[in-house]
Amino acid sequence: MEAASPREVAHALSCSRRDFLRGAAGVALGSALMSGSPLIRGVAAAKKRKIIVVTFGGGARDQETFAPAGQENIPHMLHELVPQSSFFTQVVNHGILGHYVATASLATGVYETLNNFAAVPPEHPTVFEYFRRDLHRPSSDAWVVAPSNGFNRIGESDDRSFGPGTGARVILPKHLLTAAMSGGSTDYDHLLRDNYESPLYTPSLAGGEFELQQLERILKLSVDDFRAHARTLSSPDELSMYIVRRLMQLEAPSLLWITMHDIDVAHAGAYSLYVEGIRRTDRLCSELWKTIQSEPEYAGNTTLFILPDFGRDGDDDAGGNGFQHHRTGDAASRTTWMMALGAGVREGVIYDRPMQSIDLVPTLGAMMGFSASLSQGKPIAELV
């Protein structure tokens, strides 16, 4: 029997997710012929609109998530978030499957080709630069909270049409905690694991990362209070979400990008830790949505996007390692999903047509009113 093509595999994954979600979450099948989203138009609405993007490094396979055997691991997404969302079952990443480079591609709308483990910025303009330039927004209105393995340069590109300091401000919670420890303590080792793929070279941090003295000025936290709270947390992503909630309360940025990383513990080869990472990510996404609803600056005018950067290898590929890695570049590791919920989004609708991960940036531009002119993606019609 002839092997299925990547397009056929991607379509099969999409259909499987669609059929599962229609039964388990009770969502309806949407159509590309439907009119655009119920986006509220007008200058006043555009000024108040806020976007939060959550990506996670190391996508989770359907076997452990959006399939009958995996549904117990995602109760919050399945029963709380999906019914309120527009869910896209076939988001394909045609780029390099490394977490920093893939996140850079998501943030630029172009498939970046940079070294995944190098301390370099994206080559193409980021969504943060487009947002700030076209809408004349200050640096305090665009933030990234990310793991520290190279993400210190994700906030802005080296494109010459934009100047230094025109992108997002970046917080690296693990780097911030390291600085707060001032001398080190084994109490925090579980929060400071920098990279689960153990590269030969891990970039040093320099430049515009979040400085320790800003802990009190921006987040209104003393070093002692920060250390004490960190000691109560179980993972790096919990630390990131703690920082996110403080930012939302005190800075209320209009464009907030969060990259979580706990699921990528799968590289360590422990299936139980991988599943634990999925369950924690599911819980944290639900907690973030509840925070959005409870914060006056965000309630009613915020759109939340949740998507993996890419998938993982399938069990039936001899060249891969199943849940552990994403080395093959096959359709299973490239075909993932996205959900959007909140302001301007139809609730309880599922779309299974193919789209690309680089479509995110021009979609955000269409929703917020800025031009992602150098992006190579296309606005998602169902959202704009």
Protein backbone atom coordinates (compact mmCIF):
# COMPACT_ATOMS: atom_id res chain seq x y z
CA MET A 1 0.00 0.00 0.00
CA GLU A 2 1.31 3.43 -0.94
CA ALA A 3 2.25 5.62 2.03
CA ALA A 4 0.05 8.61 2.71
CA SER A 5 1.37 12.01 1.63
CA PRO A 6 2.09 14.71 4.24
CA ARG A 7 -1.02 16.56 3.10
CA GLU A 8 -3.14 13.45 3.55
CA VAL A 9 -1.69 12.83 7.02
CA ALA A 10 -2.33 16.45 8.03
CA HIS A 11 -5.91 16.21 6.76
CA ALA A 12 -6.45 12.97 8.68
CA LEU A 13 -5.17 14.57 11.88
CA SER A 14 -7.47 17.53 11.33
CA CYS A 15 -10.51 15.33 10.76
CA SER A 16 -9.70 13.26 13.83
CA ARG A 17 -9.49 16.38 16.02
CA ARG A 18 -12.67 17.76 14.47
CA ASP A 19 -14.69 14.61 15.06
CA PHE A 20 -13.40 14.21 18.60
CA LEU A 21 -14.16 17.80 19.57
CA ARG A 22 -17.63 17.74 18.03
CA GLY A 23 -18.47 14.79 20.25
CA ALA A 24 -16.52 15.58 23.42
CA ALA A 25 -16.88 19.37 23.57
CA GLY A 26 -20.10 19.85 21.63
CA VAL A 27 -18.71 22.40 19.18
CA ALA A 28 -20.22 23.04 15.75
CA LEU A 29 -18.50 22.72 12.41
CA GLY A 30 -17.77 26.12 10.89
CA SER A 31 -17.54 26.99 7.23
CA ALA A 32 -15.09 29.11 5.28
CA LEU A 33 -18.16 30.63 3.64
CA MET A 34 -19.27 32.17 6.92
CA SER A 35 -18.82 35.89 7.19
CA GLY A 36 -15.92 37.29 9.21
CA SER A 37 -15.84 37.31 12.98
CA PRO A 38 -18.15 39.59 14.98
CA LEU A 39 -15.27 42.00 15.47
CA ILE A 40 -16.27 45.28 17.06
CA ARG A 41 -15.16 48.09 14.77
CA GLY A 42 -14.35 51.70 15.49
CA VAL A 43 -11.47 53.80 16.78
CA ALA A 44 -12.50 53.60 20.44
CA ALA A 45 -12.85 49.82 20.29
CA ALA A 46 -9.46 49.46 18.59
CA LYS A 47 -7.73 51.49 21.29
CA LYS A 48 -9.17 49.30 24.04
CA ARG A 49 -8.59 45.96 22.29
CA LYS A 50 -6.04 43.68 23.87
CA ILE A 51 -4.42 40.50 22.54
CA ILE A 52 -2.74 37.77 24.57
CA VAL A 53 -0.90 34.97 22.78
CA VAL A 54 0.13 31.77 24.55
CA THR A 55 2.49 29.41 22.78
CA PHE A 56 4.10 26.34 24.25
CA GLY A 57 7.41 24.87 23.27
CA GLY A 58 6.99 21.20 22.56
CA GLY A 59 3.57 20.44 21.24
CA ALA A 60 1.59 17.61 22.80
CA ARG A 61 0.44 14.75 20.59
CA ASP A 62 -3.25 14.02 20.06
CA GLN A 63 -2.85 10.69 21.87
CA GLU A 64 -2.34 12.69 25.08
CA THR A 65 -4.74 15.56 24.33
CA PHE A 66 -7.43 15.88 21.66
CA ALA A 67 -8.27 12.20 21.36
CA PRO A 68 -10.36 9.85 23.54
CA ALA A 69 -7.30 8.43 25.32
CA GLY A 70 -5.90 11.87 26.11
CA GLN A 71 -8.98 13.83 27.12
CA GLU A 72 -8.39 13.26 30.84
CA ASN A 73 -5.20 15.36 30.53
CA ILE A 74 -6.94 18.49 29.21
CA PRO A 75 -10.18 18.88 31.19
CA HIS A 76 -9.97 22.67 31.30
CA MET A 77 -9.34 23.14 27.60
CA LEU A 78 -11.91 20.55 26.63
CA HIS A 79 -14.78 21.62 28.87
CA GLU A 80 -14.08 25.31 29.58
CA LEU A 81 -12.01 26.84 26.77
CA VAL A 82 -12.90 24.96 23.58
CA PRO A 83 -16.68 25.55 23.96
CA GLN A 84 -15.97 29.29 24.14
CA SER A 85 -13.51 29.32 21.25
CA SER A 86 -13.06 29.20 17.54
CA PHE A 87 -10.89 26.11 17.19
CA PHE A 88 -8.66 25.51 14.17
CA THR A 89 -7.71 21.87 13.72
CA GLN A 90 -5.10 22.09 10.95
CA VAL A 91 -2.34 24.65 11.58
CA VAL A 92 0.78 23.60 9.69
CA ASN A 93 4.35 24.74 10.41
CA HIS A 94 6.55 24.46 7.31
CA GLY A 95 9.60 25.91 9.05
CA ILE A 96 12.42 24.69 11.28
CA LEU A 97 11.21 22.67 14.26
CA GLY A 98 13.29 24.26 17.01
CA HIS A 99 11.54 26.14 19.79
CA TYR A 100 13.22 29.52 19.54
CA VAL A 101 13.28 29.63 15.74
CA ALA A 102 9.68 28.37 15.53
CA THR A 103 8.51 30.98 18.06
CA ALA A 104 10.39 33.64 16.10
CA SER A 105 8.51 32.51 12.98
CA LEU A 106 5.21 32.76 14.84
CA ALA A 107 6.14 36.27 16.00
CA THR A 108 7.24 37.54 12.57
CA GLY A 109 4.89 35.74 10.19
CA VAL A 110 7.92 34.53 8.22
CA TYR A 111 9.66 31.16 8.48
CA GLU A 112 12.88 32.22 10.15
CA THR A 113 16.10 30.28 9.50
CA LEU A 114 18.26 31.42 12.41
CA ASN A 115 20.28 29.08 14.63
CA ASN A 116 17.87 27.77 17.25
CA PHE A 117 20.50 27.99 20.00
CA ALA A 118 22.16 31.27 19.04
CA ALA A 119 21.65 34.59 20.79
CA VAL A 120 20.39 36.37 17.69
CA PRO A 121 17.21 38.34 16.96
CA PRO A 122 14.68 37.40 14.28
CA GLU A 123 15.68 38.59 10.82
CA HIS A 124 12.24 39.92 9.95
CA PRO A 125 10.13 42.52 11.81
CA THR A 126 8.17 41.18 14.75
CA VAL A 127 4.50 41.67 15.53
CA PHE A 128 5.59 43.92 18.39
CA GLU A 129 7.42 46.32 16.06
CA TYR A 130 4.50 46.51 13.65
CA PHE A 131 2.12 47.10 16.56
CA ARG A 132 4.13 49.85 18.18
CA ARG A 133 5.06 51.67 14.97
CA ASP A 134 1.65 51.74 13.30
CA LEU A 135 -0.36 52.40 16.46
CA HIS A 136 2.20 54.69 18.12
CA ARG A 137 2.29 52.63 21.30
CA PRO A 138 4.92 52.96 24.07
CA SER A 139 7.26 50.14 25.07
CA SER A 140 5.13 49.48 28.15
CA ASP A 141 2.27 48.31 25.90
CA ALA A 142 4.02 45.24 24.43
CA TRP A 143 5.64 42.53 26.56
CA VAL A 144 6.99 39.01 26.16
CA VAL A 145 7.33 36.54 29.03
CA ALA A 146 9.45 33.62 27.90
CA PRO A 147 11.83 30.84 28.95
CA SER A 148 15.43 31.99 29.03
CA ASN A 149 17.04 29.62 26.53
CA GLY A 150 17.76 32.24 23.87
CA PHE A 151 14.45 34.07 24.03
CA ASN A 152 16.05 37.27 25.30
CA ARG A 153 16.21 38.50 21.67
CA ILE A 154 12.64 37.60 20.66
CA GLY A 155 11.22 41.07 21.32
CA GLU A 156 12.55 42.83 18.23
CA SER A 157 14.28 42.07 14.95
CA ASP A 158 17.44 43.39 13.38
CA ASP A 159 15.50 44.71 10.38
CA ARG A 160 16.97 48.10 9.51
CA SER A 161 13.61 49.70 8.79
CA PHE A 162 12.97 49.58 12.54
CA GLY A 163 15.30 51.08 15.11
CA PRO A 164 16.59 49.68 18.40
CA GLY A 165 14.05 49.77 21.19
CA THR A 166 11.01 49.60 18.90
CA GLY A 167 9.89 46.11 19.90
CA ALA A 168 8.55 44.42 23.01
CA ARG A 169 10.10 44.39 26.45
CA VAL A 170 11.12 40.87 27.41
CA ILE A 171 10.96 39.26 30.83
CA LEU A 172 12.87 36.03 31.40
CA PRO A 173 11.53 34.75 34.74
CA LYS A 174 14.25 32.15 35.23
CA HIS A 175 16.96 34.73 34.63
CA LEU A 176 15.19 37.09 37.01
CA LEU A 177 15.05 34.38 39.68
CA THR A 178 18.73 33.58 39.21
CA ALA A 179 19.58 37.22 39.81
CA ALA A 180 17.28 37.37 42.84
CA MET A 181 19.00 34.35 44.38
CA SER A 182 22.33 36.23 44.50
CA GLY A 183 24.60 33.33 45.30
CA GLY A 184 22.40 30.39 44.50
CA SER A 185 20.21 27.88 46.36
CA THR A 186 19.13 24.35 45.55
CA ASP A 187 15.60 25.32 46.63
CA TYR A 188 15.00 26.69 43.12
CA ASP A 189 16.73 24.12 40.90
CA HIS A 190 13.39 22.78 39.63
CA LEU A 191 12.53 26.27 38.31
CA LEU A 192 15.83 26.95 36.58
CA ARG A 193 16.31 24.10 34.08
CA ASP A 194 17.14 26.12 30.98
CA ASN A 195 16.77 23.69 28.10
CA TYR A 196 15.50 20.13 27.88
CA GLU A 197 17.34 19.41 24.63
CA SER A 198 20.78 20.01 26.23
CA PRO A 199 22.44 21.90 23.37
CA LEU A 200 26.20 22.09 23.14
CA TYR A 201 25.90 25.87 23.26
CA THR A 202 23.49 27.87 25.37
CA PRO A 203 23.63 31.62 24.66
CA SER A 204 24.62 33.99 27.40
CA LEU A 205 22.14 36.69 28.31
CA ALA A 206 22.97 40.25 27.38
CA GLY A 207 21.30 43.39 26.10
CA GLY A 208 17.68 44.24 26.84
CA GLU A 209 16.67 41.51 29.28
CA PHE A 210 14.64 42.43 32.34
CA GLU A 211 16.99 43.86 34.94
CA LEU A 212 16.71 42.90 38.58
CA GLN A 213 16.18 46.48 39.75
CA GLN A 214 12.98 46.56 37.69
CA LEU A 215 11.51 43.85 39.90
CA GLU A 216 10.29 46.43 42.38
CA ARG A 217 9.71 49.28 39.94
CA ILE A 218 7.58 47.36 37.42
CA LEU A 219 6.24 44.35 39.30
CA LYS A 220 6.10 46.04 42.72
CA LEU A 221 7.84 43.07 44.35
CA SER A 222 10.73 43.02 46.76
CA VAL A 223 13.47 40.50 46.07
CA ASP A 224 12.58 38.68 49.30
CA ASP A 225 8.89 38.45 48.39
CA PHE A 226 9.73 37.22 44.90
CA ARG A 227 12.03 34.52 46.23
CA ALA A 228 9.50 33.47 48.84
CA HIS A 229 6.70 33.12 46.30
CA ALA A 230 8.93 31.29 43.81
CA ARG A 231 9.69 28.70 46.47
CA THR A 232 5.98 27.73 46.49
CA LEU A 233 5.86 27.02 42.74
CA SER A 234 6.39 23.67 41.08
CA SER A 235 7.59 24.57 37.59
CA PRO A 236 9.08 27.30 35.35
CA ASP A 237 5.72 27.86 33.65
CA GLU A 238 4.06 28.55 37.01
CA LEU A 239 6.77 31.16 37.60
CA SER A 240 6.06 32.68 34.18
CA MET A 241 2.32 32.87 34.84
CA TYR A 242 2.95 34.54 38.19
CA ILE A 243 4.91 37.25 36.36
CA VAL A 244 2.18 37.49 33.71
CA ARG A 245 -0.52 38.14 36.30
CA ARG A 246 1.59 40.88 37.91
CA LEU A 247 2.14 42.50 34.50
CA MET A 248 -1.55 42.41 33.70
CA GLN A 249 -2.46 44.02 37.00
CA LEU A 250 0.22 46.71 37.00
CA GLU A 251 1.06 47.46 33.34
CA ALA A 252 -2.01 46.12 31.48
CA PRO A 253 -0.18 45.79 28.14
CA SER A 254 -2.32 45.63 25.02
CA LEU A 255 -0.09 43.01 23.38
CA LEU A 256 1.19 40.27 25.66
CA TRP A 257 3.02 37.18 24.38
CA ILE A 258 3.66 34.23 26.70
CA THR A 259 5.80 31.21 25.85
CA MET A 260 5.51 28.21 28.13
CA HIS A 261 7.96 25.34 28.13
CA ASP A 262 7.05 22.66 30.69
CA ILE A 263 5.75 20.19 28.09
CA ASP A 264 9.19 20.02 26.52
CA VAL A 265 10.39 17.96 29.48
CA ALA A 266 9.39 15.13 27.12
CA HIS A 267 12.96 15.32 25.78
CA ALA A 268 14.11 13.85 29.09
CA GLY A 269 12.34 10.63 28.10
CA ALA A 270 10.00 10.37 31.10
CA TYR A 271 6.45 9.90 29.84
CA SER A 272 4.94 10.70 33.24
CA LEU A 273 6.69 14.10 33.32
CA TYR A 274 5.51 14.84 29.79
CA VAL A 275 1.88 14.11 30.75
CA GLU A 276 2.30 16.15 33.93
CA GLY A 277 3.50 19.05 31.75
CA ILE A 278 0.38 18.77 29.57
CA ARG A 279 -1.91 18.80 32.58
CA ARG A 280 -0.14 21.80 34.09
CA THR A 281 -0.31 23.71 30.80
CA ASP A 282 -4.03 22.93 30.57
CA ARG A 283 -4.57 24.29 34.09
CA LEU A 284 -2.45 27.40 33.56
CA CYS A 285 -4.29 28.31 30.34
CA SER A 286 -7.58 28.07 32.22
CA GLU A 287 -6.24 30.22 35.06
CA LEU A 288 -5.05 32.82 32.56
CA TRP A 289 -8.50 32.98 30.96
CA LYS A 290 -10.07 33.49 34.38
CA THR A 291 -7.57 36.26 35.10
CA ILE A 292 -8.56 37.95 31.84
CA GLN A 293 -12.19 37.90 32.92
CA SER A 294 -11.42 39.27 36.38
CA GLU A 295 -9.10 42.13 35.44
CA PRO A 296 -11.03 45.34 34.57
CA GLU A 297 -8.51 46.37 31.91
CA TYR A 298 -8.96 43.05 30.08
CA ALA A 299 -12.49 41.83 30.71
CA GLY A 300 -14.69 42.05 27.63
CA ASN A 301 -12.10 43.46 25.23
CA THR A 302 -9.39 40.78 25.07
CA THR A 303 -8.80 38.01 22.55
CA LEU A 304 -6.73 35.05 23.74
CA PHE A 305 -4.84 32.81 21.31
CA ILE A 306 -3.45 29.44 22.42
CA LEU A 307 -1.28 27.29 20.15
CA PRO A 308 1.74 24.98 20.24
CA ASP A 309 4.78 26.02 18.22
CA PHE A 310 4.70 22.58 16.50
CA GLY A 311 3.94 18.94 17.33
CA ARG A 312 5.92 15.82 18.21
CA ASP A 313 6.94 12.63 16.42
CA GLY A 314 4.43 9.83 15.98
CA ASP A 315 4.94 6.39 17.46
CA ASP A 316 4.88 4.70 14.06
CA ASP A 317 7.82 6.61 12.54
CA ALA A 318 11.03 4.59 12.75
CA GLY A 319 13.11 7.76 12.48
CA GLY A 320 11.52 9.47 15.46
CA ASN A 321 11.19 8.90 19.16
CA GLY A 322 7.45 9.21 19.64
CA PHE A 323 6.45 11.57 22.41
CA GLN A 324 10.08 12.33 23.27
CA HIS A 325 11.26 14.36 20.27
CA HIS A 326 10.29 16.27 17.11
CA ARG A 327 13.14 15.25 14.85
CA THR A 328 11.51 13.76 11.78
CA GLY A 329 9.78 16.84 10.41
CA ASP A 330 6.87 14.62 9.38
CA ALA A 331 3.27 15.72 9.16
CA ALA A 332 2.55 14.66 12.75
CA SER A 333 5.25 16.96 14.09
CA ARG A 334 4.21 19.83 11.80
CA THR A 335 0.43 19.74 12.04
CA THR A 336 -0.96 21.30 15.18
CA TRP A 337 -3.96 23.42 16.22
CA MET A 338 -4.97 26.83 17.53
CA MET A 339 -7.83 28.18 19.58
CA ALA A 340 -8.99 31.78 19.79
CA LEU A 341 -11.48 33.00 22.36
CA GLY A 342 -12.76 36.27 23.70
CA ALA A 343 -13.58 39.57 22.04
CA GLY A 344 -14.56 39.30 18.39
CA VAL A 345 -14.49 35.49 18.26
CA ARG A 346 -17.34 33.11 17.55
CA GLU A 347 -17.87 30.65 20.37
CA GLY A 348 -18.07 26.89 19.97
CA VAL A 349 -17.06 26.71 16.31
CA ILE A 350 -14.49 24.42 14.75
CA TYR A 351 -12.68 24.98 11.46
CA ASP A 352 -10.74 22.22 9.72
CA ARG A 353 -9.37 23.91 6.63
CA PRO A 354 -5.55 24.05 6.38
CA MET A 355 -3.71 27.20 7.40
CA GLN A 356 -0.14 28.05 8.36
CA SER A 357 1.35 29.08 11.67
CA ILE A 358 2.70 32.24 10.01
CA ASP A 359 -0.90 33.39 9.46
CA LEU A 360 -1.05 34.50 13.09
CA VAL A 361 0.80 37.82 12.74
CA PRO A 362 -1.25 39.27 9.85
CA THR A 363 -4.38 38.13 11.68
CA LEU A 364 -3.35 40.06 14.79
CA GLY A 365 -2.63 43.06 12.55
CA ALA A 366 -6.10 42.91 11.01
CA MET A 367 -7.70 42.65 14.45
CA MET A 368 -5.73 45.46 16.07
CA GLY A 369 -5.36 47.80 13.13
CA PHE A 370 -1.69 47.58 12.14
CA SER A 371 -0.03 46.37 8.95
CA ALA A 372 2.24 43.32 9.02
CA SER A 373 3.61 44.34 5.66
CA LEU A 374 6.59 41.97 5.49
CA SER A 375 4.79 38.93 6.86
CA GLN A 376 4.37 36.03 4.45
CA GLY A 377 1.19 34.72 6.06
CA LYS A 378 -2.44 35.58 5.36
CA PRO A 379 -5.09 36.93 7.75
CA ILE A 380 -7.39 34.16 8.98
CA ALA A 381 -10.73 35.09 7.42
CA GLU A 382 -12.77 33.42 10.17
CA LEU A 383 -11.27 35.83 12.72
CA VAL A 384 -11.19 39.12 10.84
